[in-house]
Amino acid sequence: MNVKNDGLNHILTGCRKNDRSGQKALYDRFYGYTLAVALPYCSREVEAREVLNDAFIKVFSGIEHYNEALPFKPWLRAIVVRTAINHYHKHLHNLEFQDLTDGLELCVEDDYLLKAEVEEVLALLQKLPPAYRLTLNLYALEGYSHQEIADLLNISVGTSKSNLSKARAKLKQMMTDQLINGI
């Protein structure tokens, strides 16, 4: 209860009662957080907003499954990530895939990621093909194993490893291009 003394408990109680003002308060309170979670999984901000809106619908319809003894943000984050995965599956037939094997030998110092602006890295992430972006995010941001990623995305473990390797290589290539061209 000590974590919820900032009014979150009251908001969640309102959400459990399907109170629109409670739902709006929860949405407003966590909008920025959920957008930040969704953005790396999406190619555009409008797509990330669609994911977060779908996630909030899931939160509101499944709020009775939230255990108040546990922190709320990790529960919410898991829903946003799963919603992004569902969004990927739903739109899989509309995705364009590229062969990214050419030019992957380009090199960029590994510490460039540490120096780059968050917005620049996010913009580059959003340019990755969806399967690569999703695998990279699930592995690097969420800490999923390749087996877990394979299960979530209905792919083989080898495909998960390949997607991660290609995502890293493509990201390095884009960073090198950005440094060389000053884009």
N, C-alpha and C. Protein backbone atom coordinates (compact mmCIF):
# COMPACT_ATOMS: atom_id res chain seq x y z
N MET A 1 0.81 -1.21 0.00
CA MET A 1 0.00 0.00 0.00
C MET A 1 0.85 1.27 0.00
N ASN A 2 2.07 1.20 0.55
CA ASN A 2 2.87 2.41 0.63
C ASN A 2 3.22 2.98 -0.75
N VAL A 3 3.30 2.12 -1.76
CA VAL A 3 3.59 2.60 -3.11
C VAL A 3 2.39 3.34 -3.69
N LYS A 4 1.20 2.98 -3.25
CA LYS A 4 -0.01 3.53 -3.84
C LYS A 4 -0.54 4.76 -3.10
N ASN A 5 0.23 5.27 -2.14
CA ASN A 5 -0.24 6.43 -1.38
C ASN A 5 -0.27 7.70 -2.22
N ASP A 6 0.17 7.64 -3.46
CA ASP A 6 0.18 8.80 -4.33
C ASP A 6 -1.10 8.92 -5.16
N GLY A 7 -2.15 8.18 -4.79
CA GLY A 7 -3.43 8.27 -5.48
C GLY A 7 -3.67 7.18 -6.51
N LEU A 8 -2.68 6.37 -6.80
CA LEU A 8 -2.86 5.31 -7.79
C LEU A 8 -3.90 4.31 -7.32
N ASN A 9 -3.89 3.97 -6.05
CA ASN A 9 -4.87 3.01 -5.53
C ASN A 9 -6.29 3.49 -5.77
N HIS A 10 -6.53 4.78 -5.55
CA HIS A 10 -7.85 5.36 -5.77
C HIS A 10 -8.24 5.28 -7.26
N ILE A 11 -7.27 5.59 -8.13
CA ILE A 11 -7.51 5.53 -9.57
C ILE A 11 -7.84 4.10 -10.00
N LEU A 12 -7.07 3.14 -9.50
CA LEU A 12 -7.31 1.74 -9.86
C LEU A 12 -8.65 1.24 -9.35
N THR A 13 -9.05 1.71 -8.18
CA THR A 13 -10.37 1.35 -7.65
C THR A 13 -11.46 1.88 -8.58
N GLY A 14 -11.30 3.10 -9.05
CA GLY A 14 -12.25 3.67 -10.01
C GLY A 14 -12.28 2.87 -11.30
N CYS A 15 -11.12 2.43 -11.77
CA CYS A 15 -11.06 1.63 -13.00
C CYS A 15 -11.77 0.29 -12.80
N ARG A 16 -11.63 -0.30 -11.64
CA ARG A 16 -12.31 -1.57 -11.36
C ARG A 16 -13.84 -1.42 -11.39
N LYS A 17 -14.30 -0.20 -11.12
CA LYS A 17 -15.74 0.08 -11.14
C LYS A 17 -16.19 0.61 -12.51
N ASN A 18 -15.31 0.54 -13.50
CA ASN A 18 -15.58 1.07 -14.84
C ASN A 18 -15.91 2.55 -14.84
N ASP A 19 -15.34 3.27 -13.89
CA ASP A 19 -15.55 4.71 -13.78
C ASP A 19 -14.70 5.42 -14.84
N ARG A 20 -15.34 6.15 -15.73
CA ARG A 20 -14.65 6.82 -16.83
C ARG A 20 -13.61 7.82 -16.34
N SER A 21 -13.89 8.51 -15.25
CA SER A 21 -12.92 9.49 -14.75
C SER A 21 -11.68 8.78 -14.20
N GLY A 22 -11.87 7.62 -13.59
CA GLY A 22 -10.72 6.83 -13.13
C GLY A 22 -9.90 6.31 -14.30
N GLN A 23 -10.60 5.86 -15.36
CA GLN A 23 -9.90 5.38 -16.55
C GLN A 23 -9.12 6.51 -17.22
N LYS A 24 -9.74 7.68 -17.30
CA LYS A 24 -9.06 8.83 -17.90
C LYS A 24 -7.85 9.23 -17.06
N ALA A 25 -8.00 9.19 -15.74
CA ALA A 25 -6.88 9.55 -14.86
C ALA A 25 -5.72 8.57 -15.04
N LEU A 26 -6.02 7.27 -15.17
CA LEU A 26 -4.97 6.28 -15.37
C LEU A 26 -4.30 6.49 -16.74
N TYR A 27 -5.11 6.71 -17.76
CA TYR A 27 -4.59 6.96 -19.11
C TYR A 27 -3.68 8.18 -19.11
N ASP A 28 -4.16 9.28 -18.53
CA ASP A 28 -3.37 10.52 -18.50
C ASP A 28 -2.07 10.33 -17.72
N ARG A 29 -2.15 9.61 -16.63
CA ARG A 29 -0.99 9.42 -15.75
C ARG A 29 0.10 8.59 -16.43
N PHE A 30 -0.29 7.58 -17.21
CA PHE A 30 0.68 6.65 -17.80
C PHE A 30 0.81 6.77 -19.31
N TYR A 31 0.21 7.80 -19.90
CA TYR A 31 0.29 7.97 -21.35
C TYR A 31 1.74 8.07 -21.82
N GLY A 32 2.50 8.96 -21.23
CA GLY A 32 3.90 9.16 -21.63
C GLY A 32 4.72 7.90 -21.45
N TYR A 33 4.52 7.22 -20.34
CA TYR A 33 5.25 5.99 -20.07
C TYR A 33 4.92 4.91 -21.10
N THR A 34 3.63 4.71 -21.37
CA THR A 34 3.25 3.67 -22.32
C THR A 34 3.67 4.02 -23.75
N LEU A 35 3.66 5.30 -24.09
CA LEU A 35 4.14 5.70 -25.41
C LEU A 35 5.63 5.40 -25.53
N ALA A 36 6.37 5.67 -24.48
CA ALA A 36 7.81 5.38 -24.48
C ALA A 36 8.07 3.88 -24.60
N VAL A 37 7.22 3.06 -24.02
CA VAL A 37 7.36 1.61 -24.13
C VAL A 37 7.00 1.16 -25.55
N ALA A 38 5.95 1.72 -26.12
CA ALA A 38 5.46 1.28 -27.43
C ALA A 38 6.33 1.77 -28.59
N LEU A 39 6.90 2.96 -28.50
CA LEU A 39 7.64 3.55 -29.62
C LEU A 39 8.74 2.66 -30.20
N PRO A 40 9.57 2.03 -29.40
CA PRO A 40 10.63 1.20 -30.00
C PRO A 40 10.10 0.01 -30.80
N TYR A 41 8.87 -0.38 -30.56
CA TYR A 41 8.28 -1.51 -31.26
C TYR A 41 7.57 -1.12 -32.55
N CYS A 42 7.45 0.16 -32.79
CA CYS A 42 6.63 0.64 -33.91
C CYS A 42 7.48 1.46 -34.87
N SER A 43 7.03 1.54 -36.11
CA SER A 43 7.78 2.29 -37.11
C SER A 43 7.42 3.78 -37.13
N ARG A 44 6.28 4.12 -36.55
CA ARG A 44 5.84 5.52 -36.50
C ARG A 44 5.13 5.80 -35.18
N GLU A 45 5.09 7.06 -34.80
CA GLU A 45 4.44 7.42 -33.55
C GLU A 45 2.95 7.12 -33.60
N VAL A 46 2.32 7.31 -34.74
CA VAL A 46 0.89 7.04 -34.85
C VAL A 46 0.61 5.55 -34.60
N GLU A 47 1.50 4.70 -35.05
CA GLU A 47 1.36 3.26 -34.80
C GLU A 47 1.55 2.97 -33.30
N ALA A 48 2.49 3.64 -32.66
CA ALA A 48 2.72 3.46 -31.22
C ALA A 48 1.49 3.90 -30.42
N ARG A 49 0.85 4.98 -30.86
CA ARG A 49 -0.36 5.44 -30.18
C ARG A 49 -1.49 4.43 -30.33
N GLU A 50 -1.56 3.80 -31.49
CA GLU A 50 -2.56 2.75 -31.69
C GLU A 50 -2.30 1.58 -30.74
N VAL A 51 -1.04 1.20 -30.62
CA VAL A 51 -0.67 0.11 -29.70
C VAL A 51 -1.02 0.48 -28.26
N LEU A 52 -0.67 1.69 -27.85
CA LEU A 52 -0.95 2.05 -26.46
C LEU A 52 -2.44 2.18 -26.19
N ASN A 53 -3.22 2.66 -27.17
CA ASN A 53 -4.67 2.71 -26.97
C ASN A 53 -5.26 1.32 -26.85
N ASP A 54 -4.79 0.39 -27.69
CA ASP A 54 -5.24 -1.00 -27.57
C ASP A 54 -4.83 -1.59 -26.23
N ALA A 55 -3.64 -1.24 -25.77
CA ALA A 55 -3.16 -1.74 -24.47
C ALA A 55 -4.04 -1.22 -23.34
N PHE A 56 -4.43 0.05 -23.40
CA PHE A 56 -5.29 0.59 -22.33
C PHE A 56 -6.66 -0.07 -22.34
N ILE A 57 -7.16 -0.42 -23.51
CA ILE A 57 -8.43 -1.15 -23.56
C ILE A 57 -8.28 -2.49 -22.83
N LYS A 58 -7.14 -3.15 -23.06
CA LYS A 58 -6.87 -4.42 -22.36
C LYS A 58 -6.72 -4.21 -20.86
N VAL A 59 -6.08 -3.12 -20.48
CA VAL A 59 -5.92 -2.81 -19.05
C VAL A 59 -7.28 -2.61 -18.41
N PHE A 60 -8.11 -1.81 -19.04
CA PHE A 60 -9.42 -1.51 -18.46
C PHE A 60 -10.31 -2.75 -18.41
N SER A 61 -10.22 -3.59 -19.41
CA SER A 61 -11.08 -4.78 -19.41
C SER A 61 -10.52 -5.90 -18.53
N GLY A 62 -9.22 -5.83 -18.20
CA GLY A 62 -8.63 -6.89 -17.39
C GLY A 62 -8.06 -6.41 -16.07
N ILE A 63 -8.49 -5.25 -15.61
CA ILE A 63 -7.93 -4.65 -14.39
C ILE A 63 -8.14 -5.54 -13.16
N GLU A 64 -9.18 -6.37 -13.19
CA GLU A 64 -9.42 -7.25 -12.03
C GLU A 64 -8.32 -8.31 -11.89
N HIS A 65 -7.52 -8.51 -12.94
CA HIS A 65 -6.42 -9.48 -12.89
C HIS A 65 -5.14 -8.89 -12.30
N TYR A 66 -5.11 -7.57 -12.13
CA TYR A 66 -3.93 -6.93 -11.55
C TYR A 66 -3.89 -7.22 -10.06
N ASN A 67 -2.75 -7.68 -9.58
CA ASN A 67 -2.53 -7.98 -8.16
C ASN A 67 -1.94 -6.74 -7.51
N GLU A 68 -2.69 -6.10 -6.63
CA GLU A 68 -2.25 -4.86 -6.00
C GLU A 68 -1.04 -5.03 -5.11
N ALA A 69 -0.68 -6.25 -4.77
CA ALA A 69 0.52 -6.48 -3.96
C ALA A 69 1.79 -6.29 -4.79
N LEU A 70 1.64 -6.26 -6.11
CA LEU A 70 2.78 -6.11 -7.01
C LEU A 70 2.79 -4.70 -7.61
N PRO A 71 3.96 -4.22 -8.05
CA PRO A 71 4.02 -2.90 -8.68
C PRO A 71 3.18 -2.85 -9.96
N PHE A 72 2.56 -1.72 -10.21
CA PHE A 72 1.66 -1.56 -11.34
C PHE A 72 2.41 -1.41 -12.67
N LYS A 73 3.49 -0.62 -12.70
CA LYS A 73 4.16 -0.31 -13.97
C LYS A 73 4.67 -1.56 -14.70
N PRO A 74 5.27 -2.53 -14.04
CA PRO A 74 5.69 -3.73 -14.78
C PRO A 74 4.51 -4.49 -15.39
N TRP A 75 3.38 -4.53 -14.69
CA TRP A 75 2.17 -5.18 -15.21
C TRP A 75 1.70 -4.44 -16.46
N LEU A 76 1.68 -3.11 -16.38
CA LEU A 76 1.26 -2.29 -17.51
C LEU A 76 2.24 -2.44 -18.68
N ARG A 77 3.53 -2.43 -18.38
CA ARG A 77 4.55 -2.59 -19.43
C ARG A 77 4.36 -3.91 -20.17
N ALA A 78 4.12 -4.98 -19.43
CA ALA A 78 3.93 -6.30 -20.05
C ALA A 78 2.74 -6.27 -21.00
N ILE A 79 1.69 -5.60 -20.62
CA ILE A 79 0.51 -5.51 -21.49
C ILE A 79 0.84 -4.72 -22.76
N VAL A 80 1.58 -3.63 -22.62
CA VAL A 80 1.94 -2.82 -23.80
C VAL A 80 2.83 -3.64 -24.74
N VAL A 81 3.80 -4.34 -24.19
CA VAL A 81 4.70 -5.15 -25.02
C VAL A 81 3.92 -6.25 -25.73
N ARG A 82 3.06 -6.95 -24.99
CA ARG A 82 2.25 -8.01 -25.61
C ARG A 82 1.32 -7.44 -26.68
N THR A 83 0.80 -6.26 -26.44
CA THR A 83 -0.07 -5.62 -27.43
C THR A 83 0.73 -5.26 -28.69
N ALA A 84 1.97 -4.81 -28.51
CA ALA A 84 2.83 -4.52 -29.66
C ALA A 84 3.12 -5.79 -30.45
N ILE A 85 3.32 -6.90 -29.76
CA ILE A 85 3.54 -8.18 -30.43
C ILE A 85 2.29 -8.58 -31.20
N ASN A 86 1.13 -8.44 -30.58
CA ASN A 86 -0.13 -8.75 -31.25
C ASN A 86 -0.33 -7.85 -32.48
N HIS A 87 0.04 -6.59 -32.35
CA HIS A 87 -0.06 -5.65 -33.47
C HIS A 87 0.83 -6.12 -34.62
N TYR A 88 2.02 -6.55 -34.29
CA TYR A 88 2.94 -7.08 -35.29
C TYR A 88 2.31 -8.27 -36.02
N HIS A 89 1.78 -9.23 -35.26
CA HIS A 89 1.15 -10.40 -35.87
C HIS A 89 -0.05 -10.01 -36.75
N LYS A 90 -0.84 -9.08 -36.27
CA LYS A 90 -2.04 -8.65 -36.99
C LYS A 90 -1.69 -8.02 -38.33
N HIS A 91 -0.58 -7.30 -38.38
CA HIS A 91 -0.20 -6.58 -39.59
C HIS A 91 0.95 -7.24 -40.34
N LEU A 92 1.27 -8.46 -40.00
CA LEU A 92 2.39 -9.17 -40.61
C LEU A 92 2.25 -9.29 -42.12
N HIS A 93 1.05 -9.51 -42.58
CA HIS A 93 0.84 -9.66 -44.03
C HIS A 93 1.03 -8.35 -44.80
N ASN A 94 1.01 -7.21 -44.10
CA ASN A 94 1.19 -5.91 -44.75
C ASN A 94 2.64 -5.44 -44.74
N LEU A 95 3.52 -6.18 -44.10
CA LEU A 95 4.89 -5.73 -43.93
C LEU A 95 5.73 -6.02 -45.16
N GLU A 96 6.66 -5.12 -45.42
CA GLU A 96 7.62 -5.31 -46.50
C GLU A 96 8.93 -5.76 -45.88
N PHE A 97 9.54 -6.79 -46.46
CA PHE A 97 10.80 -7.30 -45.95
C PHE A 97 11.91 -6.95 -46.93
N GLN A 98 13.09 -6.71 -46.38
CA GLN A 98 14.23 -6.32 -47.19
C GLN A 98 15.36 -7.30 -46.94
N ASP A 99 16.21 -7.49 -47.94
CA ASP A 99 17.42 -8.27 -47.75
C ASP A 99 18.48 -7.30 -47.26
N LEU A 100 18.93 -7.52 -46.05
CA LEU A 100 19.86 -6.58 -45.43
C LEU A 100 21.27 -7.16 -45.32
N THR A 101 21.58 -8.14 -46.12
CA THR A 101 22.88 -8.79 -45.99
C THR A 101 24.00 -8.00 -46.66
N ASP A 102 23.69 -7.12 -47.58
CA ASP A 102 24.72 -6.34 -48.25
C ASP A 102 25.22 -5.21 -47.35
N GLY A 103 26.51 -5.04 -47.31
CA GLY A 103 27.09 -3.91 -46.59
C GLY A 103 27.12 -4.05 -45.10
N LEU A 104 26.95 -5.23 -44.57
CA LEU A 104 26.92 -5.39 -43.12
C LEU A 104 28.31 -5.42 -42.50
N GLU A 105 29.34 -5.38 -43.32
CA GLU A 105 30.68 -5.42 -42.76
C GLU A 105 31.15 -4.06 -42.27
N LEU A 106 30.35 -3.03 -42.47
CA LEU A 106 30.70 -1.70 -41.99
C LEU A 106 30.81 -1.72 -40.48
N CYS A 107 31.70 -0.91 -39.96
CA CYS A 107 31.97 -0.96 -38.53
C CYS A 107 31.72 0.40 -37.90
N VAL A 108 31.23 0.37 -36.70
CA VAL A 108 31.08 1.58 -35.91
C VAL A 108 31.45 1.21 -34.49
N GLU A 109 32.06 2.11 -33.79
CA GLU A 109 32.47 1.80 -32.43
C GLU A 109 31.25 1.49 -31.58
N ASP A 110 31.40 0.44 -30.74
CA ASP A 110 30.27 0.01 -29.92
C ASP A 110 29.82 1.08 -28.93
N ASP A 111 30.71 1.96 -28.52
CA ASP A 111 30.31 2.97 -27.56
C ASP A 111 29.55 4.13 -28.20
N TYR A 112 29.36 4.08 -29.52
CA TYR A 112 28.57 5.12 -30.18
C TYR A 112 27.16 5.14 -29.63
N LEU A 113 26.60 3.95 -29.34
CA LEU A 113 25.25 3.89 -28.77
C LEU A 113 25.18 4.68 -27.47
N LEU A 114 26.24 4.64 -26.69
CA LEU A 114 26.23 5.35 -25.42
C LEU A 114 26.26 6.86 -25.62
N LYS A 115 26.84 7.31 -26.72
CA LYS A 115 26.99 8.74 -26.98
C LYS A 115 25.81 9.32 -27.76
N ALA A 116 25.10 8.48 -28.47
CA ALA A 116 24.03 8.97 -29.34
C ALA A 116 22.84 9.46 -28.52
N GLU A 117 22.15 10.41 -29.07
CA GLU A 117 20.94 10.90 -28.44
C GLU A 117 19.87 9.83 -28.50
N VAL A 118 19.06 9.76 -27.47
CA VAL A 118 18.00 8.76 -27.41
C VAL A 118 17.07 8.88 -28.61
N GLU A 119 16.75 10.10 -28.99
CA GLU A 119 15.85 10.31 -30.12
C GLU A 119 16.45 9.78 -31.42
N GLU A 120 17.76 9.95 -31.59
CA GLU A 120 18.42 9.47 -32.80
C GLU A 120 18.39 7.94 -32.86
N VAL A 121 18.65 7.31 -31.72
CA VAL A 121 18.63 5.84 -31.68
C VAL A 121 17.21 5.34 -31.93
N LEU A 122 16.23 5.98 -31.31
CA LEU A 122 14.84 5.59 -31.52
C LEU A 122 14.45 5.73 -32.99
N ALA A 123 14.87 6.82 -33.61
CA ALA A 123 14.56 7.03 -35.03
C ALA A 123 15.20 5.93 -35.89
N LEU A 124 16.41 5.54 -35.55
CA LEU A 124 17.06 4.47 -36.30
C LEU A 124 16.37 3.13 -36.04
N LEU A 125 16.00 2.88 -34.80
CA LEU A 125 15.27 1.64 -34.47
C LEU A 125 13.98 1.54 -35.28
N GLN A 126 13.31 2.65 -35.42
CA GLN A 126 12.03 2.65 -36.13
C GLN A 126 12.20 2.38 -37.62
N LYS A 127 13.42 2.54 -38.14
CA LYS A 127 13.69 2.26 -39.55
C LYS A 127 14.01 0.79 -39.79
N LEU A 128 14.26 0.03 -38.73
CA LEU A 128 14.53 -1.40 -38.90
C LEU A 128 13.28 -2.11 -39.39
N PRO A 129 13.45 -3.16 -40.16
CA PRO A 129 12.29 -3.98 -40.53
C PRO A 129 11.59 -4.48 -39.26
N PRO A 130 10.28 -4.58 -39.27
CA PRO A 130 9.52 -4.92 -38.05
C PRO A 130 10.00 -6.18 -37.32
N ALA A 131 10.32 -7.24 -38.03
CA ALA A 131 10.74 -8.47 -37.36
C ALA A 131 12.06 -8.27 -36.63
N TYR A 132 12.97 -7.52 -37.23
CA TYR A 132 14.25 -7.25 -36.59
C TYR A 132 14.07 -6.35 -35.38
N ARG A 133 13.25 -5.29 -35.54
CA ARG A 133 13.00 -4.35 -34.46
C ARG A 133 12.36 -5.05 -33.27
N LEU A 134 11.38 -5.89 -33.54
CA LEU A 134 10.68 -6.59 -32.47
C LEU A 134 11.62 -7.53 -31.72
N THR A 135 12.42 -8.29 -32.46
CA THR A 135 13.36 -9.22 -31.83
C THR A 135 14.39 -8.46 -30.99
N LEU A 136 14.94 -7.40 -31.54
CA LEU A 136 15.93 -6.60 -30.82
C LEU A 136 15.35 -6.03 -29.53
N ASN A 137 14.15 -5.47 -29.61
CA ASN A 137 13.52 -4.89 -28.43
C ASN A 137 13.21 -5.94 -27.37
N LEU A 138 12.66 -7.07 -27.80
CA LEU A 138 12.32 -8.11 -26.83
C LEU A 138 13.58 -8.64 -26.15
N TYR A 139 14.65 -8.75 -26.88
CA TYR A 139 15.90 -9.27 -26.33
C TYR A 139 16.60 -8.22 -25.46
N ALA A 140 16.80 -7.02 -26.03
CA ALA A 140 17.61 -6.00 -25.35
C ALA A 140 16.84 -5.21 -24.30
N LEU A 141 15.60 -4.86 -24.59
CA LEU A 141 14.83 -4.04 -23.65
C LEU A 141 14.08 -4.85 -22.61
N GLU A 142 13.52 -5.96 -23.03
CA GLU A 142 12.66 -6.75 -22.13
C GLU A 142 13.39 -7.92 -21.48
N GLY A 143 14.55 -8.31 -22.03
CA GLY A 143 15.33 -9.38 -21.44
C GLY A 143 14.82 -10.79 -21.75
N TYR A 144 14.05 -10.93 -22.81
CA TYR A 144 13.55 -12.25 -23.19
C TYR A 144 14.69 -13.09 -23.77
N SER A 145 14.63 -14.39 -23.56
CA SER A 145 15.58 -15.31 -24.19
C SER A 145 15.14 -15.56 -25.63
N HIS A 146 16.03 -16.16 -26.40
CA HIS A 146 15.68 -16.46 -27.79
C HIS A 146 14.52 -17.47 -27.84
N GLN A 147 14.48 -18.40 -26.90
CA GLN A 147 13.38 -19.36 -26.87
C GLN A 147 12.05 -18.65 -26.60
N GLU A 148 12.06 -17.71 -25.67
CA GLU A 148 10.84 -16.96 -25.35
C GLU A 148 10.40 -16.12 -26.55
N ILE A 149 11.36 -15.50 -27.23
CA ILE A 149 11.05 -14.69 -28.41
C ILE A 149 10.47 -15.58 -29.49
N ALA A 150 11.08 -16.73 -29.69
CA ALA A 150 10.59 -17.67 -30.71
C ALA A 150 9.15 -18.06 -30.41
N ASP A 151 8.86 -18.34 -29.15
CA ASP A 151 7.50 -18.73 -28.76
C ASP A 151 6.51 -17.59 -28.98
N LEU A 152 6.91 -16.36 -28.61
CA LEU A 152 6.03 -15.20 -28.75
C LEU A 152 5.73 -14.87 -30.21
N LEU A 153 6.73 -15.01 -31.06
CA LEU A 153 6.59 -14.58 -32.45
C LEU A 153 6.31 -15.72 -33.42
N ASN A 154 6.21 -16.93 -32.88
CA ASN A 154 5.96 -18.11 -33.71
C ASN A 154 7.04 -18.29 -34.77
N ILE A 155 8.29 -18.18 -34.33
CA ILE A 155 9.45 -18.38 -35.20
C ILE A 155 10.38 -19.37 -34.52
N SER A 156 11.40 -19.80 -35.22
CA SER A 156 12.37 -20.72 -34.61
C SER A 156 13.38 -19.93 -33.78
N VAL A 157 14.08 -20.62 -32.89
CA VAL A 157 15.13 -19.99 -32.09
C VAL A 157 16.22 -19.45 -33.02
N GLY A 158 16.54 -20.22 -34.05
CA GLY A 158 17.54 -19.78 -35.02
C GLY A 158 17.14 -18.49 -35.72
N THR A 159 15.87 -18.37 -36.06
CA THR A 159 15.39 -17.14 -36.70
C THR A 159 15.49 -15.97 -35.73
N SER A 160 15.19 -16.22 -34.46
CA SER A 160 15.31 -15.16 -33.46
C SER A 160 16.76 -14.68 -33.37
N LYS A 161 17.69 -15.62 -33.31
CA LYS A 161 19.11 -15.26 -33.23
C LYS A 161 19.55 -14.52 -34.49
N SER A 162 19.10 -15.00 -35.64
CA SER A 162 19.44 -14.36 -36.90
C SER A 162 18.87 -12.95 -36.97
N ASN A 163 17.61 -12.79 -36.58
CA ASN A 163 16.99 -11.46 -36.59
C ASN A 163 17.74 -10.50 -35.68
N LEU A 164 18.16 -10.97 -34.50
CA LEU A 164 18.90 -10.12 -33.58
C LEU A 164 20.25 -9.71 -34.19
N SER A 165 20.94 -10.67 -34.75
CA SER A 165 22.24 -10.38 -35.36
C SER A 165 22.09 -9.39 -36.52
N LYS A 166 21.10 -9.61 -37.37
CA LYS A 166 20.87 -8.72 -38.50
C LYS A 166 20.41 -7.34 -38.04
N ALA A 167 19.61 -7.29 -36.98
CA ALA A 167 19.15 -6.01 -36.45
C ALA A 167 20.34 -5.20 -35.94
N ARG A 168 21.22 -5.85 -35.19
CA ARG A 168 22.40 -5.16 -34.68
C ARG A 168 23.28 -4.66 -35.83
N ALA A 169 23.49 -5.53 -36.80
CA ALA A 169 24.34 -5.16 -37.94
C ALA A 169 23.72 -4.00 -38.72
N LYS A 170 22.43 -4.06 -38.96
CA LYS A 170 21.75 -2.99 -39.70
C LYS A 170 21.80 -1.69 -38.91
N LEU A 171 21.61 -1.77 -37.60
CA LEU A 171 21.66 -0.59 -36.75
C LEU A 171 23.06 0.03 -36.80
N LYS A 172 24.09 -0.79 -36.74
CA LYS A 172 25.46 -0.28 -36.85
C LYS A 172 25.69 0.36 -38.22
N GLN A 173 25.16 -0.28 -39.26
CA GLN A 173 25.31 0.26 -40.61
C GLN A 173 24.64 1.64 -40.70
N MET A 174 23.44 1.75 -40.16
CA MET A 174 22.74 3.04 -40.21
C MET A 174 23.48 4.09 -39.41
N MET A 175 24.06 3.70 -38.27
CA MET A 175 24.82 4.65 -37.46
C MET A 175 26.07 5.11 -38.20
N THR A 176 26.73 4.17 -38.85
CA THR A 176 27.93 4.52 -39.62
C THR A 176 27.55 5.48 -40.75
N ASP A 177 26.47 5.16 -41.45
CA ASP A 177 26.01 6.03 -42.52
C ASP A 177 25.69 7.41 -41.99
N GLN A 178 25.09 7.46 -40.83
CA GLN A 178 24.71 8.74 -40.22
C GLN A 178 25.96 9.54 -39.86
N LEU A 179 26.96 8.86 -39.34
CA LEU A 179 28.21 9.56 -38.98
C LEU A 179 28.95 10.05 -40.22
N ILE A 180 29.00 9.19 -41.24
CA ILE A 180 29.73 9.53 -42.47
C ILE A 180 29.03 10.64 -43.24
N ASN A 181 27.73 10.53 -43.38
CA ASN A 181 26.96 11.47 -44.18
C ASN A 181 26.47 12.67 -43.41
N GLY A 182 26.57 12.60 -42.09
CA GLY A 182 26.10 13.71 -41.27
C GLY A 182 24.62 13.94 -41.37
N ILE A 183 23.88 12.84 -41.58
CA ILE A 183 22.43 12.93 -41.76
C ILE A 183 21.77 13.24 -40.45
